[in-house]
């Protein structure tokens, strides 16, 4: 969660998944952001397979988070996927 100047205000873990999936809902993500009075946020998750390539589900969750953020006035700046010492930015991939 970031403040109005882009400084990191707070970090938190929203969900811990299993080997193949994790349930993420905008409600849980933005509950924490609203509590922290965040101006914007960056979300990140890992792919245990080591391949950080975004899945269709990753793109769908990102889209839902963007829409929720627009309604709440909390901008989603990026969604980063980590895997095997590599990372992919969905913003850089044009998926945000």
N, C-alpha and C. Protein backbone atom coordinates (compact mmCIF):
# COMPACT_ATOMS: atom_id res chain seq x y z
N UNK A 1 0.84 -1.16 0.00
CA UNK A 1 0.00 0.00 0.00
C UNK A 1 0.89 1.23 0.00
N UNK A 2 0.54 2.19 -0.84
CA UNK A 2 1.37 3.37 -1.00
C UNK A 2 0.61 4.63 -0.59
N UNK A 3 1.37 5.64 -0.19
CA UNK A 3 0.78 6.93 0.15
C UNK A 3 0.66 7.78 -1.11
N UNK A 4 0.25 9.02 -0.96
CA UNK A 4 0.03 9.89 -2.12
C UNK A 4 1.31 10.25 -2.86
N UNK A 5 2.46 10.09 -2.21
CA UNK A 5 3.75 10.38 -2.86
C UNK A 5 4.41 9.11 -3.41
N UNK A 6 3.72 7.99 -3.33
CA UNK A 6 4.27 6.74 -3.84
C UNK A 6 5.17 6.00 -2.87
N UNK A 7 5.21 6.46 -1.64
CA UNK A 7 6.02 5.78 -0.63
C UNK A 7 5.28 4.58 -0.08
N UNK A 8 6.02 3.53 0.21
CA UNK A 8 5.39 2.34 0.78
C UNK A 8 4.91 2.66 2.18
N UNK A 9 3.63 2.47 2.38
CA UNK A 9 2.98 2.77 3.64
C UNK A 9 2.88 1.52 4.50
N UNK A 10 2.61 0.40 3.84
CA UNK A 10 2.39 -0.84 4.57
C UNK A 10 2.40 -2.01 3.59
N UNK A 11 2.79 -3.17 4.06
CA UNK A 11 2.67 -4.40 3.29
C UNK A 11 1.88 -5.40 4.12
N UNK A 12 1.22 -6.32 3.45
CA UNK A 12 0.51 -7.36 4.18
C UNK A 12 0.28 -8.57 3.27
N UNK A 13 0.03 -9.69 3.88
CA UNK A 13 -0.31 -10.92 3.17
C UNK A 13 -1.82 -11.07 3.21
N UNK A 14 -2.42 -11.20 2.04
CA UNK A 14 -3.87 -11.34 1.95
C UNK A 14 -4.29 -12.80 1.91
N UNK A 15 -3.54 -13.62 1.18
CA UNK A 15 -3.94 -15.01 1.01
C UNK A 15 -2.71 -15.88 0.84
N UNK A 16 -2.77 -17.08 1.38
CA UNK A 16 -1.73 -18.08 1.18
C UNK A 16 -2.41 -19.27 0.53
N UNK A 17 -1.92 -19.62 -0.65
CA UNK A 17 -2.55 -20.71 -1.39
C UNK A 17 -1.84 -22.03 -1.20
N UNK A 18 -2.21 -22.97 -2.06
CA UNK A 18 -1.55 -24.27 -2.05
C UNK A 18 -0.65 -24.36 -3.28
N UNK A 19 -0.29 -25.53 -3.67
CA UNK A 19 0.64 -25.72 -4.77
C UNK A 19 0.14 -25.18 -6.10
N UNK A 20 -1.16 -25.17 -6.32
CA UNK A 20 -1.66 -24.80 -7.65
C UNK A 20 -2.63 -23.63 -7.68
N UNK A 21 -3.06 -23.12 -6.53
CA UNK A 21 -4.02 -22.02 -6.58
C UNK A 21 -4.07 -21.25 -5.27
N UNK A 22 -4.64 -20.07 -5.38
CA UNK A 22 -4.89 -19.22 -4.22
C UNK A 22 -6.13 -18.41 -4.51
N UNK A 23 -7.00 -18.31 -3.55
CA UNK A 23 -8.23 -17.54 -3.74
C UNK A 23 -7.96 -16.10 -3.34
N UNK A 24 -8.20 -15.21 -4.29
CA UNK A 24 -8.01 -13.78 -4.04
C UNK A 24 -9.28 -13.07 -4.47
N UNK A 25 -9.83 -12.29 -3.58
CA UNK A 25 -11.04 -11.54 -3.89
C UNK A 25 -10.76 -10.06 -3.64
N UNK A 26 -11.24 -9.18 -4.51
CA UNK A 26 -11.01 -7.75 -4.29
C UNK A 26 -11.45 -7.26 -2.91
N UNK A 27 -12.47 -7.87 -2.36
CA UNK A 27 -12.95 -7.48 -1.03
C UNK A 27 -11.83 -7.54 0.00
N UNK A 28 -11.08 -8.64 0.02
CA UNK A 28 -10.01 -8.77 1.00
C UNK A 28 -8.85 -7.84 0.70
N UNK A 29 -8.51 -7.71 -0.54
CA UNK A 29 -7.40 -6.83 -0.93
C UNK A 29 -7.70 -5.39 -0.54
N UNK A 30 -8.88 -4.91 -0.88
CA UNK A 30 -9.18 -3.51 -0.64
C UNK A 30 -9.62 -3.22 0.79
N UNK A 31 -10.03 -4.22 1.54
CA UNK A 31 -10.32 -3.99 2.96
C UNK A 31 -9.07 -3.46 3.65
N UNK A 32 -7.95 -4.12 3.41
CA UNK A 32 -6.69 -3.68 4.01
C UNK A 32 -6.27 -2.31 3.50
N UNK A 33 -6.45 -2.05 2.21
CA UNK A 33 -6.06 -0.77 1.64
C UNK A 33 -6.91 0.38 2.19
N UNK A 34 -8.19 0.14 2.37
CA UNK A 34 -9.07 1.17 2.95
C UNK A 34 -8.69 1.43 4.40
N UNK A 35 -8.44 0.37 5.15
CA UNK A 35 -8.03 0.53 6.56
C UNK A 35 -6.76 1.36 6.69
N UNK A 36 -5.85 1.19 5.74
CA UNK A 36 -4.58 1.91 5.78
C UNK A 36 -4.66 3.28 5.12
N UNK A 37 -5.84 3.64 4.59
CA UNK A 37 -6.01 4.90 3.86
C UNK A 37 -4.99 5.02 2.73
N UNK A 38 -4.78 3.91 2.03
CA UNK A 38 -3.82 3.89 0.93
C UNK A 38 -4.32 4.70 -0.25
N UNK A 39 -3.40 5.37 -0.94
CA UNK A 39 -3.74 6.10 -2.16
C UNK A 39 -3.68 5.17 -3.37
N UNK A 40 -2.81 4.18 -3.29
CA UNK A 40 -2.64 3.22 -4.39
C UNK A 40 -2.03 1.95 -3.83
N UNK A 41 -1.96 0.94 -4.69
CA UNK A 41 -1.33 -0.30 -4.24
C UNK A 41 -0.71 -1.06 -5.39
N UNK A 42 0.20 -1.92 -5.02
CA UNK A 42 0.83 -2.86 -5.93
C UNK A 42 0.61 -4.23 -5.32
N UNK A 43 0.11 -5.15 -6.12
CA UNK A 43 -0.08 -6.50 -5.62
C UNK A 43 0.97 -7.41 -6.23
N UNK A 44 1.30 -8.46 -5.52
CA UNK A 44 2.29 -9.42 -6.00
C UNK A 44 1.93 -10.80 -5.50
N UNK A 45 2.29 -11.78 -6.30
CA UNK A 45 2.16 -13.17 -5.86
C UNK A 45 3.21 -14.00 -6.56
N UNK A 46 3.41 -15.20 -6.06
CA UNK A 46 4.42 -16.07 -6.66
C UNK A 46 3.77 -17.24 -7.38
N UNK A 47 4.49 -17.78 -8.33
CA UNK A 47 4.10 -19.02 -9.00
C UNK A 47 5.07 -20.10 -8.53
N UNK A 48 4.62 -21.03 -7.71
CA UNK A 48 5.51 -22.08 -7.20
C UNK A 48 6.19 -22.90 -8.30
N UNK A 49 5.59 -22.93 -9.50
CA UNK A 49 6.20 -23.66 -10.62
C UNK A 49 7.52 -23.05 -11.05
N UNK A 50 7.72 -21.77 -10.69
CA UNK A 50 8.93 -21.06 -11.09
C UNK A 50 8.75 -20.24 -12.36
N UNK A 51 7.67 -20.49 -13.10
CA UNK A 51 7.39 -19.74 -14.33
C UNK A 51 6.47 -18.57 -14.01
N UNK A 52 6.96 -17.33 -14.09
CA UNK A 52 6.14 -16.19 -13.72
C UNK A 52 5.17 -15.72 -14.81
N UNK A 53 5.04 -16.48 -15.88
CA UNK A 53 4.13 -16.09 -16.96
C UNK A 53 2.70 -15.98 -16.43
N UNK A 54 2.02 -14.85 -16.68
CA UNK A 54 0.65 -14.68 -16.18
C UNK A 54 -0.32 -15.68 -16.80
N UNK A 55 -1.15 -16.24 -15.95
CA UNK A 55 -2.21 -17.15 -16.41
C UNK A 55 -3.44 -16.33 -16.77
N UNK A 56 -4.40 -16.93 -17.46
CA UNK A 56 -5.67 -16.22 -17.69
C UNK A 56 -6.34 -15.80 -16.39
N UNK A 57 -6.20 -16.61 -15.35
CA UNK A 57 -6.77 -16.26 -14.05
C UNK A 57 -6.07 -15.04 -13.45
N UNK A 58 -4.76 -14.96 -13.63
CA UNK A 58 -4.01 -13.78 -13.15
C UNK A 58 -4.53 -12.52 -13.84
N UNK A 59 -4.74 -12.60 -15.15
CA UNK A 59 -5.24 -11.44 -15.89
C UNK A 59 -6.65 -11.07 -15.42
N UNK A 60 -7.48 -12.07 -15.17
CA UNK A 60 -8.86 -11.80 -14.72
C UNK A 60 -8.88 -11.16 -13.34
N UNK A 61 -8.07 -11.66 -12.43
CA UNK A 61 -8.01 -11.07 -11.09
C UNK A 61 -7.50 -9.63 -11.16
N UNK A 62 -6.51 -9.40 -11.99
CA UNK A 62 -5.97 -8.05 -12.16
C UNK A 62 -7.04 -7.10 -12.66
N UNK A 63 -7.81 -7.55 -13.62
CA UNK A 63 -8.90 -6.72 -14.16
C UNK A 63 -9.92 -6.39 -13.07
N UNK A 64 -10.29 -7.39 -12.28
CA UNK A 64 -11.26 -7.16 -11.20
C UNK A 64 -10.70 -6.20 -10.15
N UNK A 65 -9.42 -6.35 -9.82
CA UNK A 65 -8.80 -5.44 -8.85
C UNK A 65 -8.77 -4.01 -9.39
N UNK A 66 -8.49 -3.87 -10.67
CA UNK A 66 -8.48 -2.53 -11.28
C UNK A 66 -9.85 -1.88 -11.17
N UNK A 67 -10.88 -2.64 -11.52
CA UNK A 67 -12.24 -2.11 -11.45
C UNK A 67 -12.62 -1.72 -10.02
N UNK A 68 -12.30 -2.57 -9.06
CA UNK A 68 -12.61 -2.28 -7.66
C UNK A 68 -11.85 -1.04 -7.20
N UNK A 69 -10.60 -0.94 -7.58
CA UNK A 69 -9.80 0.22 -7.21
C UNK A 69 -10.35 1.51 -7.77
N UNK A 70 -10.83 1.47 -9.00
CA UNK A 70 -11.43 2.66 -9.60
C UNK A 70 -12.64 3.12 -8.80
N UNK A 71 -13.48 2.18 -8.40
CA UNK A 71 -14.66 2.52 -7.61
C UNK A 71 -14.30 3.13 -6.26
N UNK A 72 -13.23 2.63 -5.66
CA UNK A 72 -12.83 3.08 -4.33
C UNK A 72 -11.87 4.26 -4.33
N UNK A 73 -11.35 4.60 -5.49
CA UNK A 73 -10.37 5.68 -5.56
C UNK A 73 -8.99 5.27 -5.07
N UNK A 74 -8.69 3.98 -5.18
CA UNK A 74 -7.38 3.45 -4.79
C UNK A 74 -6.80 2.78 -6.04
N UNK A 75 -5.86 3.43 -6.67
CA UNK A 75 -5.33 2.96 -7.95
C UNK A 75 -4.46 1.72 -7.79
N UNK A 76 -4.70 0.73 -8.63
CA UNK A 76 -3.82 -0.43 -8.71
C UNK A 76 -2.70 -0.06 -9.68
N UNK A 77 -1.49 0.10 -9.14
CA UNK A 77 -0.36 0.53 -9.96
C UNK A 77 0.27 -0.61 -10.74
N UNK A 78 0.29 -1.81 -10.17
CA UNK A 78 0.89 -2.94 -10.86
C UNK A 78 0.51 -4.23 -10.16
N UNK A 79 0.66 -5.31 -10.89
CA UNK A 79 0.51 -6.67 -10.35
C UNK A 79 1.76 -7.39 -10.82
N UNK A 80 2.56 -7.82 -9.88
CA UNK A 80 3.84 -8.45 -10.17
C UNK A 80 3.76 -9.93 -9.82
N UNK A 81 4.24 -10.76 -10.74
CA UNK A 81 4.28 -12.21 -10.49
C UNK A 81 5.74 -12.63 -10.39
N UNK A 82 6.05 -13.36 -9.32
CA UNK A 82 7.41 -13.80 -9.04
C UNK A 82 7.54 -15.29 -9.27
N UNK A 83 8.71 -15.70 -9.75
CA UNK A 83 8.96 -17.13 -9.90
C UNK A 83 10.39 -17.40 -10.31
N UNK A 84 11.05 -18.29 -9.62
CA UNK A 84 12.39 -18.76 -9.96
C UNK A 84 13.37 -17.61 -10.25
N UNK A 85 13.45 -16.67 -9.31
CA UNK A 85 14.36 -15.52 -9.43
C UNK A 85 14.07 -14.64 -10.64
N UNK A 86 12.84 -14.69 -11.14
CA UNK A 86 12.39 -13.82 -12.23
C UNK A 86 11.07 -13.20 -11.81
N UNK A 87 10.69 -12.14 -12.51
CA UNK A 87 9.41 -11.51 -12.23
C UNK A 87 8.84 -10.93 -13.51
N UNK A 88 7.52 -10.80 -13.52
CA UNK A 88 6.82 -10.19 -14.65
C UNK A 88 5.85 -9.16 -14.10
N UNK A 89 5.85 -7.99 -14.71
CA UNK A 89 4.91 -6.92 -14.38
C UNK A 89 3.75 -6.97 -15.36
N UNK A 90 2.54 -7.12 -14.83
CA UNK A 90 1.38 -7.14 -15.71
C UNK A 90 1.15 -5.77 -16.33
N UNK A 91 1.59 -4.71 -15.68
CA UNK A 91 1.50 -3.39 -16.27
C UNK A 91 2.40 -3.30 -17.50
N UNK A 92 3.63 -3.79 -17.37
CA UNK A 92 4.55 -3.77 -18.51
C UNK A 92 4.05 -4.65 -19.66
N UNK A 93 3.30 -5.71 -19.32
CA UNK A 93 2.75 -6.60 -20.34
C UNK A 93 1.47 -6.05 -20.97
N UNK A 94 1.01 -4.89 -20.49
CA UNK A 94 -0.21 -4.29 -21.02
C UNK A 94 -1.49 -4.94 -20.51
N UNK A 95 -1.40 -5.67 -19.41
CA UNK A 95 -2.56 -6.34 -18.85
C UNK A 95 -3.18 -5.55 -17.70
N UNK A 96 -2.76 -4.33 -17.53
CA UNK A 96 -3.28 -3.49 -16.44
C UNK A 96 -3.71 -2.16 -17.01
